[in-house]
PDB file of N, CA and C in Angstrom:
ATOM      1  N   UNK A   1     110.740  98.110  63.660  1.00  0.00           N
ATOM      2  CA  UNK A   1     111.053  97.372  65.357  1.00  0.00           C
ATOM      3  C   UNK A   1     110.486  98.168  66.097  1.00  0.00           C
ATOM      4  N   UNK A   2     109.419  97.265  66.569  1.00  0.00           N
ATOM      5  CA  UNK A   2     108.610  97.805  67.745  1.00  0.00           C
ATOM      6  C   UNK A   2     108.938  97.226  69.044  1.00  0.00           C
ATOM      7  N   UNK A   3     110.131  96.579  69.372  1.00  0.00           N
ATOM      8  CA  UNK A   3     110.149  95.764  70.701  1.00  0.00           C
ATOM      9  C   UNK A   3     111.164  97.013  71.430  1.00  0.00           C
ATOM     10  N   UNK A   4     110.411  97.144  72.752  1.00  0.00           N
ATOM     11  CA  UNK A   4     110.800  98.089  73.447  1.00  0.00           C
ATOM     12  C   UNK A   4     111.078  97.406  74.993  1.00  0.00           C
ATOM     13  N   UNK A   5     112.039  97.549  75.619  1.00  0.00           N
ATOM     14  CA  UNK A   5     111.859  96.999  77.030  1.00  0.00           C
ATOM     15  C   UNK A   5     111.670  97.876  78.104  1.00  0.00           C
ATOM     16  N   UNK A   6     112.306  98.000  79.073  1.00  0.00           N
ATOM     17  CA  UNK A   6     112.162  98.771  79.952  1.00  0.00           C
ATOM     18  C   UNK A   6     113.518  99.520  80.997  1.00  0.00           C
ATOM     19  N   UNK A   7     113.216 100.487  81.703  1.00  0.00           N
ATOM     20  CA  UNK A   7     114.137 101.085  82.681  1.00  0.00           C
ATOM     21  C   UNK A   7     113.454 101.079  83.718  1.00  0.00           C
ATOM     22  N   UNK A   8     113.717 100.323  84.996  1.00  0.00           N
ATOM     23  CA  UNK A   8     112.933 100.052  86.412  1.00  0.00           C
ATOM     24  C   UNK A   8     114.191 100.721  87.153  1.00  0.00           C
ATOM     25  N   UNK A   9     113.883 101.485  88.138  1.00  0.00           N
ATOM     26  CA  UNK A   9     114.819 101.767  89.290  1.00  0.00           C
ATOM     27  C   UNK A   9     113.916 101.801  90.706  1.00  0.00           C
ATOM     28  N   UNK A  10     114.415 101.920  91.513  1.00  0.00           N
ATOM     29  CA  UNK A  10     113.992 102.067  92.730  1.00  0.00           C
ATOM     30  C   UNK A  10     114.518 103.330  93.614  1.00  0.00           C
ATOM     31  N   UNK A  11     113.778 103.858  94.403  1.00  0.00           N
ATOM     32  CA  UNK A  11     114.085 105.207  95.122  1.00  0.00           C
ATOM     33  C   UNK A  11     113.816 104.952  96.527  1.00  0.00           C
ATOM     34  N   UNK A  12     114.757 105.068  97.049  1.00  0.00           N
ATOM     35  CA  UNK A  12     114.674 104.910  98.783  1.00  0.00           C
ATOM     36  C   UNK A  12     114.949 105.953  99.360  1.00  0.00           C
ATOM     37  N   UNK A  13     114.109 107.108 100.187  1.00  0.00           N
ATOM     38  CA  UNK A  13     114.542 108.080 100.553  1.00  0.00           C
ATOM     39  C   UNK A  13     115.312 108.384 102.282  1.00  0.00           C
ATOM     40  N   UNK A  14     115.301 107.170 102.232  1.00  0.00           N
ATOM     41  CA  UNK A  14     116.046 106.737 103.073  1.00  0.00           C
ATOM     42  C   UNK A  14     115.745 107.243 105.021  1.00  0.00           C
ATOM     43  N   UNK A  15     116.918 107.923 105.301  1.00  0.00           N
ATOM     44  CA  UNK A  15     118.078 107.970 105.374  1.00  0.00           C
ATOM     45  C   UNK A  15     118.990 106.522 105.545  1.00  0.00           C
ATOM     46  N   UNK A  16     120.129 106.151 104.799  1.00  0.00           N
ATOM     47  CA  UNK A  16     120.354 107.056 103.662  1.00  0.00           C
ATOM     48  C   UNK A  16     119.578 107.310 102.335  1.00  0.00           C
ATOM     49  N   UNK A  17     119.587 107.972 101.727  1.00  0.00           N
ATOM     50  CA  UNK A  17     118.999 108.071 100.316  1.00  0.00           C
ATOM     51  C   UNK A  17     119.587 107.271  99.197  1.00  0.00           C
ATOM     52  N   UNK A  18     118.565 106.453  98.415  1.00  0.00           N
ATOM     53  CA  UNK A  18     119.384 105.129  97.627  1.00  0.00           C
ATOM     54  C   UNK A  18     118.559 105.444  96.120  1.00  0.00           C
ATOM     55  N   UNK A  19     119.250 105.033  95.309  1.00  0.00           N
ATOM     56  CA  UNK A  19     118.385 105.440  93.644  1.00  0.00           C
ATOM     57  C   UNK A  19     119.202 103.731  93.169  1.00  0.00           C
ATOM     58  N   UNK A  20     118.759 102.865  93.113  1.00  0.00           N
ATOM     59  CA  UNK A  20     119.391 102.022  91.993  1.00  0.00           C
ATOM     60  C   UNK A  20     118.568 101.659  90.819  1.00  0.00           C
ATOM     61  N   UNK A  21     119.449 101.326  89.515  1.00  0.00           N
ATOM     62  CA  UNK A  21     119.111 100.993  88.544  1.00  0.00           C
ATOM     63  C   UNK A  21     118.871  99.689  88.715  1.00  0.00           C
ATOM     64  N   UNK A  22     117.522  99.139  88.982  1.00  0.00           N
ATOM     65  CA  UNK A  22     117.192  97.431  88.817  1.00  0.00           C
ATOM     66  C   UNK A  22     117.020  96.853  87.424  1.00  0.00           C
ATOM     67  N   UNK A  23     116.712  97.348  86.511  1.00  0.00           N
ATOM     68  CA  UNK A  23     116.831  97.307  84.945  1.00  0.00           C
ATOM     69  C   UNK A  23     116.933  97.860  83.932  1.00  0.00           C
ATOM     70  N   UNK A  24     117.998  97.861  83.144  1.00  0.00           N
ATOM     71  CA  UNK A  24     117.975  98.676  82.119  1.00  0.00           C
ATOM     72  C   UNK A  24     117.964  98.032  80.631  1.00  0.00           C
ATOM     73  N   UNK A  25     116.875  97.806  79.875  1.00  0.00           N
ATOM     74  CA  UNK A  25     117.396  97.428  78.602  1.00  0.00           C
ATOM     75  C   UNK A  25     117.581  98.168  77.394  1.00  0.00           C
ATOM     76  N   UNK A  26     118.356  97.984  76.520  1.00  0.00           N
ATOM     77  CA  UNK A  26     119.167  98.927  75.789  1.00  0.00           C
ATOM     78  C   UNK A  26     117.853  99.684  74.551  1.00  0.00           C
ATOM     79  N   UNK A  27     116.850  99.405  74.457  1.00  0.00           N
ATOM     80  CA  UNK A  27     115.809 100.187  73.800  1.00  0.00           C
ATOM     81  C   UNK A  27     114.538 100.283  74.393  1.00  0.00           C
ATOM     82  N   UNK A  28     114.134 101.489  74.817  1.00  0.00           N
ATOM     83  CA  UNK A  28     112.907 101.752  75.505  1.00  0.00           C
ATOM     84  C   UNK A  28     112.141 102.557  74.944  1.00  0.00           C
ATOM     85  N   UNK A  29     110.767 103.356  75.390  1.00  0.00           N
ATOM     86  CA  UNK A  29     110.143 104.264  75.171  1.00  0.00           C
ATOM     87  C   UNK A  29     110.335 105.134  76.232  1.00  0.00           C
ATOM     88  N   UNK A  30     110.459 106.601  76.315  1.00  0.00           N
ATOM     89  CA  UNK A  30     110.372 107.642  77.524  1.00  0.00           C
ATOM     90  C   UNK A  30     109.362 108.609  77.001  1.00  0.00           C
ATOM     91  N   UNK A  31     108.382 108.737  77.761  1.00  0.00           N
ATOM     92  CA  UNK A  31     107.631 109.905  77.349  1.00  0.00           C
ATOM     93  C   UNK A  31     108.142 111.331  77.285  1.00  0.00           C
ATOM     94  N   UNK A  32     107.599 111.926  76.610  1.00  0.00           N
ATOM     95  CA  UNK A  32     108.040 113.591  76.620  1.00  0.00           C
ATOM     96  C   UNK A  32     107.859 114.269  77.844  1.00  0.00           C
ATOM     97  N   UNK A  33     106.929 113.576  79.028  1.00  0.00           N
ATOM     98  CA  UNK A  33     106.479 114.444  80.216  1.00  0.00           C
ATOM     99  C   UNK A  33     107.295 114.072  80.776  1.00  0.00           C
ATOM    100  N   UNK A  34     108.270 112.882  80.926  1.00  0.00           N
ATOM    101  CA  UNK A  34     109.005 112.592  81.824  1.00  0.00           C
ATOM    102  C   UNK A  34     110.319 113.192  81.381  1.00  0.00           C
ATOM    103  N   UNK A  35     110.753 113.610  80.158  1.00  0.00           N
ATOM    104  CA  UNK A  35     111.877 114.331  79.736  1.00  0.00           C
ATOM    105  C   UNK A  35     111.485 115.675  79.825  1.00  0.00           C
ATOM    106  N   UNK A  36     110.519 116.488  80.068  1.00  0.00           N
ATOM    107  CA  UNK A  36     110.214 117.658  80.479  1.00  0.00           C
ATOM    108  C   UNK A  36     110.577 117.490  82.322  1.00  0.00           C
ATOM    109  N   UNK A  37     109.936 116.405  82.461  1.00  0.00           N
ATOM    110  CA  UNK A  37     110.152 116.965  84.518  1.00  0.00           C
ATOM    111  C   UNK A  37     111.751 116.700  84.432  1.00  0.00           C
ATOM    112  N   UNK A  38     112.342 115.822  83.883  1.00  0.00           N
ATOM    113  CA  UNK A  38     113.902 115.555  84.162  1.00  0.00           C
ATOM    114  C   UNK A  38     114.544 117.184  83.573  1.00  0.00           C
ATOM    115  N   UNK A  39     113.976 117.882  82.734  1.00  0.00           N
ATOM    116  CA  UNK A  39     114.725 119.092  82.232  1.00  0.00           C
ATOM    117  C   UNK A  39     114.455 120.452  83.363  1.00  0.00           C
ATOM    118  N   UNK A  40     113.282 120.015  84.194  1.00  0.00           N
ATOM    119  CA  UNK A  40     112.861 121.083  84.882  1.00  0.00           C
ATOM    120  C   UNK A  40     112.983 120.752  86.478  1.00  0.00           C
ATOM    121  N   UNK A  41     113.757 119.456  87.013  1.00  0.00           N
ATOM    122  CA  UNK A  41     114.031 118.935  87.935  1.00  0.00           C
ATOM    123  C   UNK A  41     113.854 119.561  89.176  1.00  0.00           C
ATOM    124  N   UNK A  42     113.370 119.588  90.239  1.00  0.00           N
ATOM    125  CA  UNK A  42     113.643 120.238  91.731  1.00  0.00           C
ATOM    126  C   UNK A  42     114.321 119.350  92.323  1.00  0.00           C
ATOM    127  N   UNK A  43     114.828 119.686  93.642  1.00  0.00           N
ATOM    128  CA  UNK A  43     115.293 118.531  94.313  1.00  0.00           C
ATOM    129  C   UNK A  43     114.290 117.662  95.294  1.00  0.00           C
ATOM    130  N   UNK A  44     114.696 116.297  95.178  1.00  0.00           N
ATOM    131  CA  UNK A  44     113.296 115.264  95.428  1.00  0.00           C
ATOM    132  C   UNK A  44     113.178 114.674  94.469  1.00  0.00           C
ATOM    133  N   UNK A  45     113.160 115.528  93.293  1.00  0.00           N
ATOM    134  CA  UNK A  45     112.460 114.456  92.189  1.00  0.00           C
ATOM    135  C   UNK A  45     113.495 113.989  91.432  1.00  0.00           C
ATOM    136  N   UNK A  46     113.875 114.379  90.605  1.00  0.00           N
ATOM    137  CA  UNK A  46     114.944 113.747  89.747  1.00  0.00           C
ATOM    138  C   UNK A  46     116.491 114.523  90.157  1.00  0.00           C
ATOM    139  N   UNK A  47     116.482 114.565  91.352  1.00  0.00           N
ATOM    140  CA  UNK A  47     117.442 115.460  91.870  1.00  0.00           C
ATOM    141  C   UNK A  47     117.530 114.576  92.823  1.00  0.00           C
ATOM    142  N   UNK A  48     118.739 114.486  93.688  1.00  0.00           N
ATOM    143  CA  UNK A  48     119.110 114.410  94.999  1.00  0.00           C
ATOM    144  C   UNK A  48     118.564 115.304  96.024  1.00  0.00           C
ATOM    145  N   UNK A  49     117.987 115.177  97.136  1.00  0.00           N
ATOM    146  CA  UNK A  49     118.175 115.773  98.012  1.00  0.00           C
ATOM    147  C   UNK A  49     119.087 117.044  98.298  1.00  0.00           C
ATOM    148  N   UNK A  50     120.204 116.874  98.012  1.00  0.00           N
ATOM    149  CA  UNK A  50     121.338 118.186  98.322  1.00  0.00           C
ATOM    150  C   UNK A  50     121.645 118.499  96.810  1.00  0.00           C
ATOM    151  N   UNK A  51     120.806 118.126  96.041  1.00  0.00           N
ATOM    152  CA  UNK A  51     120.782 118.917  94.365  1.00  0.00           C
ATOM    153  C   UNK A  51     121.925 118.161  93.253  1.00  0.00           C
ATOM    154  N   UNK A  52     122.323 116.892  93.451  1.00  0.00           N
ATOM    155  CA  UNK A  52     123.161 116.264  92.309  1.00  0.00           C
ATOM    156  C   UNK A  52     122.065 115.524  91.468  1.00  0.00           C
ATOM    157  N   UNK A  53     121.873 115.645  90.092  1.00  0.00           N
ATOM    158  CA  UNK A  53     121.534 115.101  89.654  1.00  0.00           C
ATOM    159  C   UNK A  53     121.179 113.845  89.437  1.00  0.00           C
ATOM    160  N   UNK A  54     119.707 112.934  89.687  1.00  0.00           N
ATOM    161  CA  UNK A  54     119.380 111.268  89.385  1.00  0.00           C
ATOM    162  C   UNK A  54     119.715 110.928  87.763  1.00  0.00           C
ATOM    163  N   UNK A  55     119.295 111.914  87.225  1.00  0.00           N
ATOM    164  CA  UNK A  55     118.998 111.840  85.922  1.00  0.00           C
ATOM    165  C   UNK A  55     119.022 113.540  85.388  1.00  0.00           C
ATOM    166  N   UNK A  56     119.243 113.396  83.852  1.00  0.00           N
ATOM    167  CA  UNK A  56     119.465 114.843  83.160  1.00  0.00           C
ATOM    168  C   UNK A  56     119.666 114.833  81.797  1.00  0.00           C
ATOM    169  N   UNK A  57     119.345 115.692  81.144  1.00  0.00           N
ATOM    170  CA  UNK A  57     119.411 115.570  79.755  1.00  0.00           C
ATOM    171  C   UNK A  57     120.643 116.413  79.329  1.00  0.00           C
ATOM    172  N   UNK A  58     121.528 115.877  78.400  1.00  0.00           N
ATOM    173  CA  UNK A  58     122.733 116.671  77.937  1.00  0.00           C
ATOM    174  C   UNK A  58     122.581 116.467  76.541  1.00  0.00           C
ATOM    175  N   UNK A  59     122.160 117.481  75.908  1.00  0.00           N
ATOM    176  CA  UNK A  59     121.447 117.329  74.315  1.00  0.00           C
ATOM    177  C   UNK A  59     120.899 116.098  73.938  1.00  0.00           C
ATOM    178  N   UNK A  60     120.971 115.345  73.166  1.00  0.00           N
ATOM    179  CA  UNK A  60     119.788 114.207  73.159  1.00  0.00           C
ATOM    180  C   UNK A  60     120.354 113.239  74.074  1.00  0.00           C
ATOM    181  N   UNK A  61     121.192 112.918  74.684  1.00  0.00           N
ATOM    182  CA  UNK A  61     121.686 111.822  75.474  1.00  0.00           C
ATOM    183  C   UNK A  61     120.899 112.103  77.246  1.00  0.00           C
ATOM    184  N   UNK A  62     119.852 111.302  77.791  1.00  0.00           N
ATOM    185  CA  UNK A  62     119.548 110.952  78.753  1.00  0.00           C
ATOM    186  C   UNK A  62     120.327 109.963  79.456  1.00  0.00           C
ATOM    187  N   UNK A  63     120.726 110.514  80.669  1.00  0.00           N
ATOM    188  CA  UNK A  63     121.938 109.935  81.539  1.00  0.00           C
ATOM    189  C   UNK A  63     121.011 109.944  82.772  1.00  0.00           C
ATOM    190  N   UNK A  64     120.960 108.663  83.365  1.00  0.00           N
ATOM    191  CA  UNK A  64     120.363 107.809  84.649  1.00  0.00           C
ATOM    192  C   UNK A  64     121.438 107.423  85.556  1.00  0.00           C
ATOM    193  N   UNK A  65     121.852 108.460  86.647  1.00  0.00           N
ATOM    194  CA  UNK A  65     122.855 107.866  87.523  1.00  0.00           C
ATOM    195  C   UNK A  65     122.333 107.229  89.115  1.00  0.00           C
ATOM    196  N   UNK A  66     122.479 106.091  89.022  1.00  0.00           N
ATOM    197  CA  UNK A  66     121.930 105.062  90.093  1.00  0.00           C
ATOM    198  C   UNK A  66     123.432 105.150  90.708  1.00  0.00           C
ATOM    199  N   UNK A  67     123.270 104.724  92.096  1.00  0.00           N
ATOM    200  CA  UNK A  67     123.908 104.277  92.968  1.00  0.00           C
ATOM    201  C   UNK A  67     125.026 103.063  92.541  1.00  0.00           C
ATOM    202  N   UNK A  68     123.848 102.576  91.535  1.00  0.00           N
ATOM    203  CA  UNK A  68     124.656 100.993  91.417  1.00  0.00           C
ATOM    204  C   UNK A  68     125.200 101.061  89.820  1.00  0.00           C
ATOM    205  N   UNK A  69     124.693 102.026  88.872  1.00  0.00           N
ATOM    206  CA  UNK A  69     125.534 102.236  87.833  1.00  0.00           C
ATOM    207  C   UNK A  69     124.609 103.288  87.365  1.00  0.00           C
ATOM    208  N   UNK A  70     125.705 103.694  86.032  1.00  0.00           N
ATOM    209  CA  UNK A  70     124.860 105.163  85.255  1.00  0.00           C
ATOM    210  C   UNK A  70     124.366 104.295  84.057  1.00  0.00           C
ATOM    211  N   UNK A  71     123.327 104.903  83.299  1.00  0.00           N
ATOM    212  CA  UNK A  71     122.543 104.157  81.875  1.00  0.00           C
ATOM    213  C   UNK A  71     122.867 105.712  81.320  1.00  0.00           C
ATOM    214  N   UNK A  72     122.819 105.534  79.873  1.00  0.00           N
ATOM    215  CA  UNK A  72     122.755 106.515  79.057  1.00  0.00           C
ATOM    216  C   UNK A  72     122.114 105.886  77.819  1.00  0.00           C
ATOM    217  N   UNK A  73     121.024 106.909  77.547  1.00  0.00           N
ATOM    218  CA  UNK A  73     120.499 106.632  76.194  1.00  0.00           C
ATOM    219  C   UNK A  73     120.024 107.360  75.321  1.00  0.00           C
ATOM    220  N   UNK A  74     120.246 107.453  74.031  1.00  0.00           N
ATOM    221  CA  UNK A  74     120.041 108.400  73.307  1.00  0.00           C
ATOM    222  C   UNK A  74     118.850 108.539  72.547  1.00  0.00           C
ATOM    223  N   UNK A  75     118.142 109.551  73.017  1.00  0.00           N
ATOM    224  CA  UNK A  75     116.655 110.370  72.314  1.00  0.00           C
ATOM    225  C   UNK A  75     116.517 110.566  71.047  1.00  0.00           C
ATOM    226  N   UNK A  76     115.631 109.405  70.458  1.00  0.00           N
ATOM    227  CA  UNK A  76     115.325 109.476  68.912  1.00  0.00           C
ATOM    228  C   UNK A  76     114.331 109.835  68.377  1.00  0.00           C
ATOM    229  N   UNK A  77     113.708 109.255  67.617  1.00  0.00           N
ATOM    230  CA  UNK A  77     112.671 109.817  66.908  1.00  0.00           C
ATOM    231  C   UNK A  77     111.508 109.375  67.753  1.00  0.00           C
ATOM    232  N   UNK A  78     110.553 110.361  67.404  1.00  0.00           N
ATOM    233  CA  UNK A  78     108.828 110.319  68.073  1.00  0.00           C
ATOM    234  C   UNK A  78     108.377 108.921  67.658  1.00  0.00           C
ATOM    235  N   UNK A  79     107.893 108.489  68.756  1.00  0.00           N
ATOM    236  CA  UNK A  79     107.267 106.909  68.399  1.00  0.00           C
ATOM    237  C   UNK A  79     105.655 107.256  68.160  1.00  0.00           C
ATOM    238  N   UNK A  80     105.363 107.929  68.939  1.00  0.00           N
ATOM    239  CA  UNK A  80     103.872 108.293  69.222  1.00  0.00           C
ATOM    240  C   UNK A  80     103.638 109.696  69.303  1.00  0.00           C
ATOM    241  N   UNK A  81     102.341 110.132  69.711  1.00  0.00           N
ATOM    242  CA  UNK A  81     101.965 111.319  70.176  1.00  0.00           C
ATOM    243  C   UNK A  81     102.758 111.598  71.679  1.00  0.00           C
ATOM    244  N   UNK A  82     103.184 110.711  72.226  1.00  0.00           N
ATOM    245  CA  UNK A  82     103.215 110.936  73.841  1.00  0.00           C
ATOM    246  C   UNK A  82     104.831 110.356  74.156  1.00  0.00           C
ATOM    247  N   UNK A  83     105.380 109.728  72.951  1.00  0.00           N
ATOM    248  CA  UNK A  83     106.636 108.880  73.616  1.00  0.00           C
ATOM    249  C   UNK A  83     107.650 109.012  72.618  1.00  0.00           C
ATOM    250  N   UNK A  84     109.284 109.113  72.954  1.00  0.00           N
ATOM    251  CA  UNK A  84     110.231 109.084  72.100  1.00  0.00           C
ATOM    252  C   UNK A  84     110.727 107.754  72.214  1.00  0.00           C
ATOM    253  N   UNK A  85     111.781 107.237  71.141  1.00  0.00           N
ATOM    254  CA  UNK A  85     112.591 106.029  71.212  1.00  0.00           C
ATOM    255  C   UNK A  85     113.896 106.211  71.820  1.00  0.00           C
ATOM    256  N   UNK A  86     114.340 105.748  73.034  1.00  0.00           N
ATOM    257  CA  UNK A  86     115.335 106.031  73.580  1.00  0.00           C
ATOM    258  C   UNK A  86     116.269 104.688  73.088  1.00  0.00           C
ATOM    259  N   UNK A  87     117.515 104.742  72.851  1.00  0.00           N
ATOM    260  CA  UNK A  87     118.402 103.623  72.903  1.00  0.00           C
ATOM    261  C   UNK A  87     120.082 103.669  73.169  1.00  0.00           C
ATOM    262  N   UNK A  88     120.420 102.740  73.639  1.00  0.00           N
ATOM    263  CA  UNK A  88     121.959 102.727  73.846  1.00  0.00           C
ATOM    264  C   UNK A  88     122.797 103.576  73.138  1.00  0.00           C
ATOM    265  N   UNK A  89     123.782 104.351  73.079  1.00  0.00           N
ATOM    266  CA  UNK A  89     124.087 104.771  71.933  1.00  0.00           C
ATOM    267  C   UNK A  89     125.468 103.946  71.742  1.00  0.00           C
ATOM    268  N   UNK A  90     125.676 103.957  70.328  1.00  0.00           N
ATOM    269  CA  UNK A  90     127.031 102.969  70.136  1.00  0.00           C
ATOM    270  C   UNK A  90     128.080 103.286  70.724  1.00  0.00           C
TER     271      UNK A  90
END
């Protein structure tokens, strides 16, 4: 099965700073590079300017915290050289 959706978010640095999840499909591809950026995030990237996470990795769970909702994906198998399959956990 190679049907993948997307996770789309909007970041407005404000003030006030806003981060909204506009779309979150149940099965997406996420790049290894993005996962590494989240793992090593600095303020202003996947963190708010006051240091709270907007996205974090907790084991194999990718958690994305929007102001309007939270989305959690389980990182699964490698899809190709650069991407992993990520799905909503059961």
